[in-house]
Amino acid sequence: MMKLILIFSHMAKYFHERGGFWFPFVKWIIDLLYCYSSLGRLLNELFKRKSLGGPWVSEVYLLLNILIGLCWIAVIERPVLTAIGWIVLGLIVVFYRIFETLLFILHWLIVAEGPVESYRRSLLSFLINLFEIGIFFAIAYLLLDCFDPPQDAWSALSKSVCSVFSLKKMSGLCEVGWSKALALFQLCISWTLVVLILANVVGAINRNEKKDDSV
């Protein structure tokens, strides 16, 4: 019995020193996924090796994705882009970018340590992320022909962005199963990002900024 108690005592000490039982594992998984599956992170590391890294890399990458999304919206109704191959490729790009955005914020909150460069900059970036999520979900709705009656691309974009920022379910969709599933997924992602953004503000204040960001 004493040996069993001693074993549990050592186990408790081990997990206490490492921050708990399941949290280190979750932290490791998020860090692993972020390091090897985030294109934004890989670009950042590439520029760092050339001594050109900095916040601008993430900002340019984010704005580039938004520009790509808006250009895609502008041409998505062209007949050549309605082929099944383009639709599949488009959905892969859309859901990868949504996954990467969510992964980045989870990594920022759970894995990243040390003082924050600027919580105002981070908050603005996350708000732009919300706008980007609206863009890419609009592309997904258009690729899957989810609207009833059919919507033009810019109306679809407007509705999708409004859905993200209002935290309400997308309107104007047909009753097909994947349309409902996609709308529910968008709502879940929107709520998750908003909650994480609020956590970001609190966490940034608690972690302090590296520089004075007062106005």
Protein backbone atom coordinates (compact mmCIF):
# COMPACT_ATOMS: atom_id res chain seq x y z
CA MET A 1 0.00 0.00 0.00
CA MET A 2 2.80 2.39 0.90
CA LYS A 3 4.50 1.68 -2.45
CA LEU A 4 1.25 2.44 -4.28
CA ILE A 5 0.85 5.71 -2.38
CA LEU A 6 4.47 6.59 -3.18
CA ILE A 7 3.91 5.90 -6.89
CA PHE A 8 0.82 8.12 -6.95
CA SER A 9 2.75 10.77 -5.06
CA HIS A 10 5.50 10.78 -7.70
CA MET A 11 2.90 10.85 -10.48
CA ALA A 12 1.14 13.80 -8.87
CA LYS A 13 4.44 15.66 -8.52
CA TYR A 14 5.33 14.87 -12.15
CA PHE A 15 2.04 16.21 -13.55
CA HIS A 16 2.11 19.21 -11.21
CA GLU A 17 5.53 20.26 -12.50
CA ARG A 18 4.34 19.96 -16.10
CA GLY A 19 1.11 21.91 -15.72
CA GLY A 20 -1.39 19.08 -15.39
CA PHE A 21 -2.35 15.76 -16.97
CA TRP A 22 -4.01 16.60 -20.30
CA PHE A 23 -3.01 20.24 -20.86
CA PRO A 24 0.65 19.54 -21.81
CA PHE A 25 -0.54 16.99 -24.37
CA VAL A 26 -3.06 19.43 -25.90
CA LYS A 27 -0.39 22.13 -25.93
CA TRP A 28 2.03 19.77 -27.69
CA ILE A 29 -0.55 18.79 -30.32
CA ILE A 30 -1.43 22.43 -31.10
CA ASP A 31 2.24 23.40 -31.30
CA LEU A 32 3.01 20.43 -33.58
CA LEU A 33 0.12 21.20 -35.93
CA TYR A 34 0.99 24.88 -36.02
CA CYS A 35 4.68 24.26 -36.71
CA TYR A 36 4.15 21.81 -39.57
CA SER A 37 0.80 22.73 -41.14
CA SER A 38 0.63 26.53 -40.98
CA LEU A 39 1.83 28.14 -44.20
CA GLY A 40 1.88 31.54 -42.48
CA ARG A 41 4.22 30.24 -39.78
CA LEU A 42 6.51 28.60 -42.36
CA LEU A 43 6.76 31.87 -44.29
CA ASN A 44 7.54 33.71 -41.07
CA GLU A 45 10.35 31.28 -40.28
CA LEU A 46 11.71 31.62 -43.83
CA PHE A 47 11.96 35.40 -43.53
CA LYS A 48 13.46 35.10 -40.04
CA ARG A 49 16.29 32.97 -41.42
CA LYS A 50 17.01 35.76 -43.89
CA SER A 51 16.89 38.33 -41.05
CA LEU A 52 13.79 39.89 -42.59
CA GLY A 53 11.20 38.55 -40.14
CA GLY A 54 8.79 40.64 -38.13
CA PRO A 55 5.10 41.38 -37.63
CA TRP A 56 4.83 42.58 -41.22
CA VAL A 57 5.11 38.99 -42.53
CA SER A 58 1.92 37.88 -40.76
CA GLU A 59 0.12 41.06 -41.74
CA VAL A 60 1.05 40.75 -45.42
CA TYR A 61 0.07 37.06 -45.40
CA LEU A 62 -3.32 37.92 -43.89
CA LEU A 63 -3.99 40.73 -46.35
CA LEU A 64 -2.85 38.52 -49.24
CA ASN A 65 -5.39 35.87 -48.26
CA ILE A 66 -8.13 38.49 -48.12
CA LEU A 67 -7.12 39.82 -51.54
CA ILE A 68 -7.15 36.29 -52.97
CA GLY A 69 -10.59 35.71 -51.46
CA LEU A 70 -12.03 38.92 -52.88
CA CYS A 71 -10.57 38.24 -56.32
CA TRP A 72 -12.05 34.75 -56.14
CA ILE A 73 -15.46 36.21 -55.31
CA ALA A 74 -15.14 38.51 -58.32
CA VAL A 75 -14.58 35.66 -60.80
CA ILE A 76 -16.31 32.72 -59.11
CA GLU A 77 -19.37 32.87 -61.38
CA ARG A 78 -17.33 32.33 -64.54
CA PRO A 79 -18.35 29.01 -66.20
CA VAL A 80 -14.78 27.67 -66.29
CA LEU A 81 -14.67 27.74 -62.45
CA THR A 82 -17.79 25.59 -62.04
CA ALA A 83 -15.99 22.38 -63.04
CA ILE A 84 -15.88 19.73 -60.32
CA GLY A 85 -12.08 19.90 -60.15
CA TRP A 86 -12.12 23.62 -59.38
CA ILE A 87 -14.88 23.13 -56.81
CA VAL A 88 -12.93 20.44 -54.94
CA LEU A 89 -9.73 22.47 -55.05
CA GLY A 90 -11.60 25.54 -53.90
CA LEU A 91 -13.14 23.76 -50.93
CA ILE A 92 -9.73 22.42 -49.89
CA VAL A 93 -8.27 25.95 -49.94
CA VAL A 94 -11.27 27.40 -48.09
CA PHE A 95 -11.29 24.89 -45.26
CA TYR A 96 -7.52 24.90 -44.95
CA ARG A 97 -7.50 28.65 -44.43
CA ILE A 98 -10.30 28.43 -41.87
CA PHE A 99 -8.38 25.68 -40.06
CA GLU A 100 -5.15 27.69 -40.18
CA THR A 101 -6.83 30.78 -38.73
CA LEU A 102 -8.35 28.84 -35.85
CA LEU A 103 -5.05 27.04 -35.22
CA PHE A 104 -3.12 30.32 -35.15
CA ILE A 105 -5.40 31.81 -32.49
CA LEU A 106 -5.32 28.64 -30.39
CA HIS A 107 -1.53 28.64 -30.59
CA TRP A 108 -1.40 32.30 -29.61
CA LEU A 109 -3.55 31.68 -26.54
CA ILE A 110 -2.38 28.26 -25.35
CA VAL A 111 1.22 27.84 -26.50
CA ALA A 112 2.76 31.30 -26.97
CA GLU A 113 4.55 32.76 -23.98
CA GLY A 114 6.22 36.01 -23.09
CA PRO A 115 5.05 39.61 -23.39
CA VAL A 116 2.80 40.72 -26.22
CA GLU A 117 4.16 43.10 -28.84
CA SER A 118 0.89 45.04 -29.00
CA TYR A 119 -2.52 43.78 -27.93
CA ARG A 120 -4.19 46.45 -30.08
CA ARG A 121 -2.41 45.13 -33.15
CA SER A 122 -3.39 41.56 -32.21
CA LEU A 123 -7.02 42.55 -31.68
CA LEU A 124 -7.16 44.32 -35.06
CA SER A 125 -5.62 41.29 -36.75
CA PHE A 126 -8.22 38.98 -35.22
CA LEU A 127 -11.05 41.26 -36.32
CA ILE A 128 -9.63 41.12 -39.85
CA ASN A 129 -9.54 37.33 -39.42
CA LEU A 130 -13.30 37.43 -38.79
CA PHE A 131 -13.80 39.34 -42.04
CA GLU A 132 -11.63 36.79 -43.83
CA ILE A 133 -13.70 33.93 -42.41
CA GLY A 134 -16.80 35.60 -43.87
CA ILE A 135 -15.10 35.79 -47.27
CA PHE A 136 -14.06 32.15 -47.38
CA PHE A 137 -17.38 30.83 -46.12
CA ALA A 138 -19.09 32.88 -48.86
CA ILE A 139 -16.85 31.12 -51.39
CA ALA A 140 -17.83 27.74 -49.91
CA TYR A 141 -21.55 28.59 -50.12
CA LEU A 142 -21.16 29.64 -53.76
CA LEU A 143 -19.09 26.59 -54.71
CA LEU A 144 -21.69 24.26 -53.20
CA ASP A 145 -24.63 26.21 -54.67
CA CYS A 146 -26.23 26.63 -51.26
CA PHE A 147 -28.48 29.63 -51.91
CA ASP A 148 -32.20 29.49 -52.60
CA PRO A 149 -33.01 31.61 -54.53
CA PRO A 150 -29.56 31.90 -56.15
CA GLN A 151 -27.50 34.89 -55.03
CA ASP A 152 -24.86 36.83 -56.90
CA ALA A 153 -21.35 36.56 -55.46
CA TRP A 154 -21.24 39.96 -53.76
CA SER A 155 -24.62 39.48 -52.09
CA ALA A 156 -23.39 36.13 -50.81
CA LEU A 157 -20.27 37.82 -49.44
CA SER A 158 -22.33 40.51 -47.72
CA LYS A 159 -24.60 37.95 -46.06
CA SER A 160 -21.71 35.77 -44.99
CA VAL A 161 -19.75 38.63 -43.41
CA CYS A 162 -22.90 39.88 -41.64
CA SER A 163 -23.49 36.36 -40.32
CA VAL A 164 -19.96 36.20 -38.88
CA PHE A 165 -20.07 39.59 -37.14
CA SER A 166 -23.67 39.28 -35.94
CA LEU A 167 -23.09 35.72 -34.68
CA LYS A 168 -26.31 34.62 -36.36
CA LYS A 169 -26.97 31.68 -38.63
CA MET A 170 -26.57 32.34 -42.34
CA SER A 171 -29.85 33.25 -44.06
CA GLY A 172 -31.11 32.56 -47.57
CA LEU A 173 -29.79 29.01 -47.83
CA CYS A 174 -31.52 26.05 -49.42
CA GLU A 175 -32.72 23.08 -47.35
CA VAL A 176 -30.01 20.70 -48.56
CA GLY A 177 -28.18 18.93 -45.75
CA TRP A 178 -24.72 20.28 -46.54
CA SER A 179 -26.06 23.84 -46.62
CA LYS A 180 -27.41 23.51 -43.08
CA ALA A 181 -24.20 21.80 -41.92
CA LEU A 182 -22.05 24.53 -43.46
CA ALA A 183 -24.14 27.28 -41.85
CA LEU A 184 -23.86 25.58 -38.46
CA PHE A 185 -20.12 25.17 -38.93
CA GLN A 186 -19.78 28.86 -39.77
CA LEU A 187 -21.75 29.81 -36.67
CA CYS A 188 -19.57 27.59 -34.47
CA ILE A 189 -16.36 29.02 -35.96
CA SER A 190 -17.65 32.59 -35.54
CA TRP A 191 -18.55 32.08 -31.88
CA THR A 192 -15.26 30.31 -31.23
CA LEU A 193 -13.21 33.10 -32.78
CA VAL A 194 -15.12 35.81 -30.92
CA VAL A 195 -14.62 34.02 -27.60
CA LEU A 196 -10.92 33.57 -28.39
CA ILE A 197 -10.62 37.23 -29.36
CA LEU A 198 -12.07 38.26 -25.99
CA ALA A 199 -9.66 35.87 -24.30
CA ASN A 200 -6.89 37.45 -26.37
CA VAL A 201 -7.66 40.90 -24.99
CA VAL A 202 -7.67 39.66 -21.40
CA GLY A 203 -4.58 37.53 -21.96
CA ALA A 204 -2.70 40.38 -23.64
CA ILE A 205 -3.41 42.69 -20.72
CA ASN A 206 -2.30 40.04 -18.23
CA ARG A 207 0.87 39.22 -20.17
CA ASN A 208 1.73 42.93 -20.65
CA GLU A 209 3.07 44.52 -23.79
CA LYS A 210 6.70 44.82 -24.78
CA LYS A 211 6.25 48.48 -25.58
CA ASP A 212 4.02 51.33 -24.59
CA ASP A 213 1.01 51.26 -26.92
CA SER A 214 -0.89 54.15 -25.36
CA VAL A 215 -2.56 56.80 -27.48
